[in-house]
Amino acid sequence: MIKKVLRNRKCILVADDDADDRELIKVAFEESGTDAELLFVENGEELMFYLSRHGKYADEEKYPFPSIILLDLNMPRKDGREALREIKEDVHLKWLPIIILTTSTEAKDISKCYELGVNSYTIKPANFSELVTFTRMLHAYWFTIVQLP
């Protein structure tokens, strides 16, 4: 059974298999001056281990439960679509806000993700400056405007 962990910690969990994208996202959040803790997993399988507190992810201090998830679609082992479906079908996780952050502009991907219950679908910014702007807007919206559970 997964416990909802209600904390004052702002934690963004990024699921993305591309090491360069992970590094760019990390640097963009640092540059934007946001106060959210940023953690990374490399695929949908690892994301599900994190959320269900398996293995090393049982340490809640080191791996806090995320406030939101940034989810790439095309990843090995378990892609973002499969992980999204599992999260939104799980009674203990379905409340968790998920933002797709991907390169896919395919109408079928966009439709399918919203059908599965994603909260937002975003195309990865084309350059670093736009990525910094995205991180500022994401932080402002999800941690200032929106009331999270």
Protein backbone atom coordinates (compact mmCIF):
# COMPACT_ATOMS: atom_id res chain seq x y z
CA MET A 1 0.00 0.00 0.00
CA ILE A 2 1.33 3.41 -0.97
CA LYS A 3 0.95 6.19 1.58
CA LYS A 4 0.21 9.72 0.52
CA VAL A 5 3.00 11.76 1.98
CA LEU A 6 1.87 15.29 2.65
CA ARG A 7 4.87 17.54 3.12
CA ASN A 8 5.83 21.12 2.66
CA ARG A 9 8.71 20.00 0.41
CA LYS A 10 8.28 20.96 -3.21
CA CYS A 11 9.56 18.02 -5.21
CA ILE A 12 9.51 17.56 -8.98
CA LEU A 13 10.26 14.07 -10.24
CA VAL A 14 11.52 14.00 -13.83
CA ALA A 15 11.27 10.75 -15.80
CA ASP A 16 13.46 11.06 -18.89
CA ASP A 17 15.92 8.60 -20.43
CA ASP A 18 18.06 11.22 -22.18
CA ALA A 19 21.04 12.22 -19.99
CA ASP A 20 21.52 15.49 -21.91
CA ASP A 21 17.87 16.45 -21.44
CA ARG A 22 18.07 15.64 -17.72
CA GLU A 23 21.15 17.85 -17.36
CA LEU A 24 19.54 20.72 -19.32
CA ILE A 25 16.38 20.49 -17.19
CA LYS A 26 18.48 20.52 -14.01
CA VAL A 27 20.49 23.57 -15.10
CA ALA A 28 17.34 25.38 -16.32
CA PHE A 29 15.64 24.91 -12.94
CA GLU A 30 18.80 26.14 -11.18
CA GLU A 31 19.02 29.18 -13.44
CA SER A 32 15.34 30.00 -13.02
CA GLY A 33 15.84 30.24 -9.25
CA THR A 34 13.00 27.92 -8.30
CA ASP A 35 13.01 26.39 -4.84
CA ALA A 36 11.70 22.97 -5.84
CA GLU A 37 13.80 19.89 -5.25
CA LEU A 38 14.46 18.12 -8.54
CA LEU A 39 14.92 14.35 -8.74
CA PHE A 40 15.34 12.10 -11.77
CA VAL A 41 14.53 8.58 -12.94
CA GLU A 42 15.55 7.21 -16.32
CA ASN A 43 12.50 5.22 -17.44
CA GLY A 44 8.91 4.33 -16.61
CA GLU A 45 9.88 1.19 -14.75
CA GLU A 46 12.16 3.16 -12.42
CA LEU A 47 9.38 5.76 -12.03
CA MET A 48 6.98 3.09 -10.80
CA PHE A 49 9.62 1.72 -8.40
CA TYR A 50 10.08 5.25 -7.06
CA LEU A 51 6.36 5.83 -6.57
CA SER A 52 5.80 2.45 -4.93
CA ARG A 53 8.88 2.89 -2.69
CA HIS A 54 10.72 -0.23 -3.91
CA GLY A 55 14.42 -0.80 -3.25
CA LYS A 56 16.49 2.30 -2.71
CA TYR A 57 13.38 4.48 -3.10
CA ALA A 58 12.09 3.33 0.31
CA ASP A 59 14.20 6.12 1.87
CA GLU A 60 11.61 8.93 2.00
CA GLU A 61 14.13 11.54 3.15
CA LYS A 62 16.43 10.93 0.20
CA TYR A 63 13.57 10.27 -2.25
CA PRO A 64 10.59 12.38 -1.17
CA PHE A 65 7.22 11.71 -2.71
CA PRO A 66 6.87 14.08 -5.67
CA SER A 67 4.51 17.04 -5.79
CA ILE A 68 4.40 16.71 -9.59
CA ILE A 69 5.93 14.51 -12.28
CA LEU A 70 7.50 15.64 -15.55
CA LEU A 71 7.16 12.63 -17.84
CA ASP A 72 8.83 11.91 -21.17
CA LEU A 73 6.92 9.58 -23.47
CA ASN A 74 9.59 7.64 -25.33
CA MET A 75 11.70 5.74 -22.82
CA PRO A 76 13.03 2.18 -22.60
CA ARG A 77 11.67 -0.62 -20.38
CA LYS A 78 8.35 1.12 -19.78
CA ASP A 79 7.47 4.19 -21.81
CA GLY A 80 5.69 7.25 -20.50
CA ARG A 81 2.30 6.18 -21.87
CA GLU A 82 2.41 2.91 -19.94
CA ALA A 83 3.59 4.63 -16.75
CA LEU A 84 0.87 7.30 -17.12
CA ARG A 85 -1.79 4.60 -17.50
CA GLU A 86 -0.56 2.74 -14.40
CA ILE A 87 -0.41 5.88 -12.28
CA LYS A 88 -3.86 7.12 -13.26
CA GLU A 89 -5.39 3.65 -12.70
CA ASP A 90 -3.88 3.38 -9.20
CA VAL A 91 -6.26 4.66 -6.51
CA HIS A 92 -3.30 5.81 -4.38
CA LEU A 93 -1.53 7.67 -7.20
CA LYS A 94 -4.18 8.98 -9.59
CA TRP A 95 -4.34 12.34 -7.79
CA LEU A 96 -0.67 13.03 -8.60
CA PRO A 97 -0.25 15.81 -11.20
CA ILE A 98 1.60 14.67 -14.32
CA ILE A 99 2.97 16.94 -17.02
CA ILE A 100 4.14 15.34 -20.24
CA LEU A 101 7.39 16.91 -21.42
CA THR A 102 8.26 15.36 -24.76
CA THR A 103 9.35 15.97 -28.33
CA SER A 104 6.28 14.23 -29.76
CA THR A 105 3.84 16.52 -31.53
CA GLU A 106 1.77 13.57 -32.76
CA ALA A 107 -1.96 14.25 -32.38
CA LYS A 108 -2.52 10.61 -31.37
CA ASP A 109 -0.01 10.97 -28.48
CA ILE A 110 -1.60 14.19 -27.27
CA SER A 111 -5.13 12.74 -27.43
CA LYS A 112 -4.11 9.46 -25.78
CA CYS A 113 -2.35 11.19 -22.89
CA TYR A 114 -5.33 13.40 -22.12
CA GLU A 115 -7.59 10.36 -22.43
CA LEU A 116 -5.41 8.63 -19.81
CA GLY A 117 -5.71 11.62 -17.46
CA VAL A 118 -2.56 13.69 -17.91
CA ASN A 119 -2.78 17.17 -16.42
CA SER A 120 -0.77 18.92 -19.12
CA TYR A 121 0.99 18.03 -22.38
CA THR A 122 4.03 20.13 -23.27
CA ILE A 123 6.53 19.97 -26.12
CA LYS A 124 10.15 20.25 -24.98
CA PRO A 125 11.37 23.80 -25.61
CA ALA A 126 13.60 24.27 -28.64
CA ASN A 127 16.41 26.10 -26.84
CA PHE A 128 17.81 26.66 -23.38
CA SER A 129 16.34 30.13 -22.94
CA GLU A 130 12.85 28.76 -23.64
CA LEU A 131 13.52 25.88 -21.22
CA VAL A 132 14.38 28.34 -18.44
CA THR A 133 11.16 30.26 -19.19
CA PHE A 134 9.24 26.97 -19.10
CA THR A 135 10.71 26.04 -15.70
CA ARG A 136 9.79 29.44 -14.25
CA MET A 137 6.23 29.22 -15.56
CA LEU A 138 5.84 25.61 -14.44
CA HIS A 139 7.04 26.44 -10.94
CA ALA A 140 4.87 29.55 -10.67
CA TYR A 141 1.76 27.74 -11.88
CA TRP A 142 2.09 24.46 -10.00
CA PHE A 143 3.53 25.81 -6.74
CA THR A 144 1.98 29.29 -6.49
CA ILE A 145 -1.36 29.30 -8.32
CA VAL A 146 -2.54 25.69 -8.09
CA GLN A 147 -3.52 24.08 -4.81
CA LEU A 148 -1.87 20.67 -4.71
CA PRO A 149 -3.13 17.79 -2.55
